[in-house]
Amino acid sequence: MIELEPSQLPPLTNWFPAGTAGPAIIGEHALTTGVGRWWADRADQPRIIAVSCTDRVLLRGSPDTSEDLAPLAGSPIDAPARFLPTLGAAFDRLTPWERMVWTLQAEPQPCPTPRGVTVRRLEPADTDALHALGPDSAWIHASWGGAVGLAASGHGWAAVDRGGQVLAIACTYFRGTRYEDVAVFTAPDHRRHRLALACVTALVADITARGHTPSWNCSVLNRASRLLAWTAGFRLVREYVHYAVGSPARRSRLAA
């Protein structure tokens, strides 16, 4: 596969339909923000297109091609079932990962904030406070290109103490034309104080004010995420499977 610049992309309506909750939002977000990478088997009339943002990949097209999928190694890949034989041959490991898609359908439970804590929109001046959360939190702003991008995006809300320390964050992780996928991080020392719920409540109000619908995506095994989603008013829409792949398979296997 070859990497494409956004200016080289063909019309993507048939590849990544807009306005759906779930992993398809990744394509919309990458196009809108410029954060992400695109691959195809060829620039002119491609048969396969892939887009990645953070560590997630969407793969679409026709699997009846022997294109090298090595650029997608080590990522969870969302692809139609018809791609499974191709993925199984291309990588040394193919592990199914069951996921859940939720959308906001109810009112969040009431959530007063502790004394001395303010829930507000992130601003560019909060960049250093985001960095201060440490490397374990880096994933929360990866879809915006880093802490600077999230702080300036207008799509993040945080619980902040009097000293300006960020205690918890909720943000639009992937923004689509209809849905905005929500992500949450709470500093380890400040968990179990419902700060995440307070941030999510503020964020979903902001999203709905934009005329969009908040959505939620998590592993079926992530009980804490499922509980937070339910408490914040999200309800399950559907389940799906994406596939964590390993390293590229040896050429001898691909040729077998």
Protein backbone atom coordinates (compact mmCIF):
# COMPACT_ATOMS: atom_id res chain seq x y z
CA MET A 1 0.00 0.00 0.00
CA ILE A 2 1.05 3.59 -0.59
CA GLU A 3 0.42 6.55 1.69
CA LEU A 4 -1.76 9.28 0.25
CA GLU A 5 -2.01 12.96 1.06
CA PRO A 6 -5.56 14.17 1.76
CA SER A 7 -5.46 16.08 -1.53
CA GLN A 8 -4.95 12.77 -3.36
CA LEU A 9 -8.01 11.06 -1.89
CA PRO A 10 -10.89 10.05 -4.14
CA PRO A 11 -14.46 10.96 -3.12
CA LEU A 12 -15.01 9.00 0.08
CA THR A 13 -18.80 8.88 0.35
CA ASN A 14 -18.99 5.27 -0.81
CA TRP A 15 -15.94 4.23 1.22
CA PHE A 16 -16.79 5.79 4.59
CA PRO A 17 -20.46 6.81 4.76
CA ALA A 18 -20.92 9.89 6.91
CA GLY A 19 -23.34 10.33 9.77
CA THR A 20 -23.08 6.95 11.51
CA ALA A 21 -22.13 6.20 15.11
CA GLY A 22 -19.18 3.90 15.67
CA PRO A 23 -15.76 3.47 14.10
CA ALA A 24 -16.71 5.14 10.79
CA ILE A 25 -16.38 8.49 12.60
CA ILE A 26 -12.61 8.05 12.39
CA GLY A 27 -12.62 8.83 8.68
CA GLU A 28 -14.72 11.96 9.16
CA HIS A 29 -12.47 13.15 11.99
CA ALA A 30 -9.27 12.60 10.02
CA LEU A 31 -10.63 14.56 7.06
CA THR A 32 -11.87 17.43 9.23
CA THR A 33 -8.86 17.83 11.53
CA GLY A 34 -6.03 16.61 9.32
CA VAL A 35 -4.92 14.29 12.14
CA GLY A 36 -4.51 10.85 10.63
CA ARG A 37 -2.92 8.95 7.76
CA TRP A 38 -4.38 7.48 4.59
CA TRP A 39 -3.29 4.47 2.52
CA ALA A 40 -4.49 2.87 -0.69
CA ASP A 41 -3.36 0.13 -3.02
CA ARG A 42 -2.97 2.79 -5.72
CA ALA A 43 -3.66 6.49 -6.12
CA ASP A 44 -5.86 6.17 -9.21
CA GLN A 45 -9.14 4.28 -8.74
CA PRO A 46 -8.03 2.44 -5.59
CA ARG A 47 -9.55 -0.90 -4.63
CA ILE A 48 -8.57 -0.64 -0.95
CA ILE A 49 -8.41 2.43 1.29
CA ALA A 50 -7.34 2.59 4.93
CA VAL A 51 -7.35 5.50 7.36
CA SER A 52 -5.70 5.57 10.77
CA CYS A 53 -6.02 8.01 13.64
CA THR A 54 -4.31 7.40 16.97
CA ASP A 55 -3.89 3.60 16.96
CA ARG A 56 -7.16 2.77 15.20
CA VAL A 57 -7.59 1.79 11.57
CA LEU A 58 -10.56 1.61 9.22
CA LEU A 59 -10.07 -0.65 6.20
CA ARG A 60 -12.53 -0.68 3.34
CA GLY A 61 -12.74 -1.88 -0.25
CA SER A 62 -12.25 -5.16 -2.06
CA PRO A 63 -10.09 -7.79 -0.32
CA ASP A 64 -9.37 -9.74 -3.52
CA THR A 65 -5.99 -8.10 -3.92
CA SER A 66 -2.55 -9.17 -2.77
CA GLU A 67 -1.53 -5.68 -1.61
CA ASP A 68 0.94 -5.49 1.27
CA LEU A 69 -0.93 -4.43 4.42
CA ALA A 70 2.26 -4.01 6.46
CA PRO A 71 1.63 -0.29 7.21
CA LEU A 72 -1.36 -1.40 9.31
CA ALA A 73 0.64 -3.77 11.54
CA GLY A 74 0.17 -3.59 15.29
CA SER A 75 -3.19 -1.81 15.13
CA PRO A 76 -6.80 -2.69 15.86
CA ILE A 77 -8.48 -2.78 12.44
CA ASP A 78 -12.15 -2.30 11.71
CA ALA A 79 -12.94 -4.09 8.45
CA PRO A 80 -15.84 -6.00 6.90
CA ALA A 81 -15.87 -9.75 7.50
CA ARG A 82 -14.84 -10.36 3.89
CA PHE A 83 -11.36 -9.06 4.82
CA LEU A 84 -10.71 -11.75 7.44
CA PRO A 85 -8.90 -14.22 5.14
CA THR A 86 -6.74 -11.37 3.82
CA LEU A 87 -5.92 -10.11 7.31
CA GLY A 88 -5.23 -13.62 8.55
CA ALA A 89 -2.72 -14.15 5.76
CA ALA A 90 -1.12 -10.71 6.07
CA PHE A 91 -0.30 -10.77 9.80
CA ASP A 92 1.11 -13.28 12.26
CA ARG A 93 -1.71 -12.62 14.74
CA LEU A 94 -5.39 -11.75 14.35
CA THR A 95 -7.29 -11.31 17.61
CA PRO A 96 -11.01 -10.42 17.66
CA TRP A 97 -11.93 -7.59 20.01
CA GLU A 98 -15.61 -7.12 20.82
CA ARG A 99 -16.73 -3.51 21.10
CA MET A 100 -19.90 -1.60 21.98
CA VAL A 101 -21.41 1.54 20.46
CA TRP A 102 -23.62 3.72 22.64
CA THR A 103 -25.47 6.99 21.98
CA LEU A 104 -26.90 9.56 24.35
CA GLN A 105 -30.57 8.73 24.94
CA ALA A 106 -31.29 9.79 28.53
CA GLU A 107 -30.46 12.55 31.00
CA PRO A 108 -27.19 12.16 32.93
CA GLN A 109 -27.51 11.47 36.63
CA PRO A 110 -27.02 14.56 38.83
CA CYS A 111 -23.38 15.10 39.70
CA PRO A 112 -22.33 17.94 42.02
CA THR A 113 -18.63 18.82 41.87
CA PRO A 114 -16.48 18.82 45.02
CA ARG A 115 -15.66 22.11 46.70
CA GLY A 116 -12.77 23.91 45.04
CA VAL A 117 -13.22 22.13 41.70
CA THR A 118 -14.52 23.82 38.56
CA VAL A 119 -15.68 22.05 35.40
CA ARG A 120 -14.96 24.22 32.37
CA ARG A 121 -13.93 24.14 28.75
CA LEU A 122 -10.24 23.55 28.07
CA GLU A 123 -8.31 26.53 26.74
CA PRO A 124 -4.90 26.91 25.04
CA ALA A 125 -3.49 28.05 28.39
CA ASP A 126 -4.23 24.54 29.76
CA THR A 127 -1.64 22.88 27.52
CA ASP A 128 0.99 22.61 30.26
CA ALA A 129 -1.59 21.23 32.70
CA LEU A 130 -2.45 18.51 30.18
CA HIS A 131 1.22 17.60 29.79
CA ALA A 132 1.52 17.48 33.59
CA LEU A 133 -0.89 14.53 33.66
CA GLY A 134 1.98 12.40 32.38
CA PRO A 135 2.49 9.86 29.59
CA ASP A 136 -0.38 7.61 30.70
CA SER A 137 -2.80 10.35 29.63
CA ALA A 138 -1.24 11.02 26.22
CA TRP A 139 -3.85 8.90 24.43
CA ILE A 140 -6.65 11.32 25.42
CA HIS A 141 -5.28 14.10 23.20
CA ALA A 142 -3.72 11.93 20.48
CA SER A 143 -6.71 12.31 18.17
CA TRP A 144 -6.14 16.09 18.17
CA GLY A 145 -2.45 15.80 17.40
CA GLY A 146 -1.35 16.32 21.01
CA ALA A 147 -2.09 18.43 24.06
CA VAL A 148 -1.81 21.70 22.14
CA GLY A 149 -4.42 20.53 19.64
CA LEU A 150 -6.93 19.38 22.25
CA ALA A 151 -6.51 22.48 24.41
CA ALA A 152 -7.18 24.72 21.41
CA SER A 153 -9.92 22.58 19.85
CA GLY A 154 -12.84 23.80 21.94
CA HIS A 155 -13.93 20.16 22.25
CA GLY A 156 -12.55 19.33 25.69
CA TRP A 157 -13.92 19.88 29.20
CA ALA A 158 -11.95 19.44 32.41
CA ALA A 159 -12.35 19.36 36.16
CA VAL A 160 -9.76 21.85 37.42
CA ASP A 161 -8.75 22.70 40.98
CA ARG A 162 -8.00 26.16 42.35
CA GLY A 163 -4.35 25.85 41.37
CA GLY A 164 -5.15 25.10 37.74
CA GLN A 165 -4.36 21.39 37.97
CA VAL A 166 -6.43 19.25 35.60
CA LEU A 167 -8.01 16.39 37.55
CA ALA A 168 -10.21 14.84 34.85
CA ILE A 169 -10.97 15.36 31.17
CA ALA A 170 -13.82 14.51 28.82
CA CYS A 171 -13.41 15.36 25.17
CA THR A 172 -14.71 14.70 21.72
CA TYR A 173 -12.24 12.04 20.63
CA PHE A 174 -13.52 11.69 17.08
CA ARG A 175 -15.79 14.31 15.54
CA GLY A 176 -18.16 13.38 12.73
CA THR A 177 -20.81 15.31 10.85
CA ARG A 178 -23.58 13.91 13.05
CA TYR A 179 -21.97 12.08 15.97
CA GLU A 180 -19.13 12.99 18.30
CA ASP A 181 -17.39 10.11 20.05
CA VAL A 182 -16.57 10.83 23.71
CA ALA A 183 -13.42 9.86 25.63
CA VAL A 184 -12.60 10.33 29.32
CA PHE A 185 -9.50 10.35 31.52
CA THR A 186 -9.22 10.90 35.27
CA ALA A 187 -5.93 11.34 37.11
CA PRO A 188 -5.38 8.22 39.26
CA ASP A 189 -5.31 10.15 42.56
CA HIS A 190 -8.68 11.75 41.83
CA ARG A 191 -10.80 8.78 40.79
CA ARG A 192 -14.02 7.72 42.56
CA HIS A 193 -15.11 11.34 43.03
CA ARG A 194 -17.41 11.37 39.98
CA LEU A 195 -15.24 13.97 38.27
CA ALA A 196 -15.39 12.03 35.01
CA LEU A 197 -19.18 12.10 35.10
CA ALA A 198 -19.16 15.85 35.76
CA CYS A 199 -16.89 16.41 32.76
CA VAL A 200 -18.94 14.13 30.50
CA THR A 201 -22.14 15.90 31.53
CA ALA A 202 -20.68 19.27 30.52
CA LEU A 203 -19.29 17.87 27.27
CA VAL A 204 -22.50 16.19 26.12
CA ALA A 205 -24.43 19.41 26.74
CA ASP A 206 -21.90 21.19 24.54
CA ILE A 207 -22.15 18.54 21.82
CA THR A 208 -25.94 18.61 21.74
CA ALA A 209 -25.86 22.42 21.61
CA ARG A 210 -23.89 22.03 18.36
CA GLY A 211 -26.70 19.91 16.96
CA HIS A 212 -24.66 16.71 17.17
CA THR A 213 -25.32 13.46 19.04
CA PRO A 214 -22.80 12.23 21.63
CA SER A 215 -21.64 8.63 21.14
CA TRP A 216 -19.52 6.24 23.18
CA ASN A 217 -17.29 3.37 22.10
CA CYS A 218 -15.75 0.85 24.49
CA SER A 219 -14.71 -2.76 24.90
CA VAL A 220 -17.37 -5.15 26.16
CA LEU A 221 -14.86 -6.07 28.89
CA ASN A 222 -14.46 -2.50 30.16
CA ARG A 223 -17.00 -2.54 32.97
CA ALA A 224 -15.97 0.88 34.32
CA SER A 225 -16.48 2.52 30.93
CA ARG A 226 -19.86 0.82 30.46
CA LEU A 227 -21.02 1.97 33.90
CA LEU A 228 -19.92 5.56 33.27
CA ALA A 229 -21.64 5.57 29.89
CA TRP A 230 -24.92 4.37 31.41
CA THR A 231 -24.73 6.85 34.29
CA ALA A 232 -24.10 9.68 31.82
CA GLY A 233 -27.25 8.80 29.84
CA PHE A 234 -25.81 6.67 27.04
CA ARG A 235 -27.60 3.52 25.92
CA LEU A 236 -26.32 0.61 23.86
CA VAL A 237 -26.99 0.77 20.11
CA ARG A 238 -25.01 -2.17 18.78
CA GLU A 239 -21.98 -4.38 19.20
CA TYR A 240 -19.27 -5.07 16.64
CA VAL A 241 -15.87 -6.70 16.35
CA HIS A 242 -12.58 -5.25 15.24
CA TYR A 243 -9.30 -7.13 15.00
CA ALA A 244 -5.97 -6.51 16.68
CA VAL A 245 -3.25 -7.57 14.28
CA GLY A 246 0.37 -8.41 14.94
CA SER A 247 3.47 -8.13 12.80
CA PRO A 248 3.44 -8.67 9.04
CA ALA A 249 3.52 -12.35 8.12
CA ARG A 250 6.62 -13.70 6.47
CA ARG A 251 6.56 -13.61 2.69
CA SER A 252 6.75 -17.39 2.53
CA ARG A 253 3.42 -17.57 4.32
CA LEU A 254 1.84 -14.95 2.07
CA ALA A 255 2.94 -16.88 -0.98
CA ALA A 256 1.64 -20.20 0.33
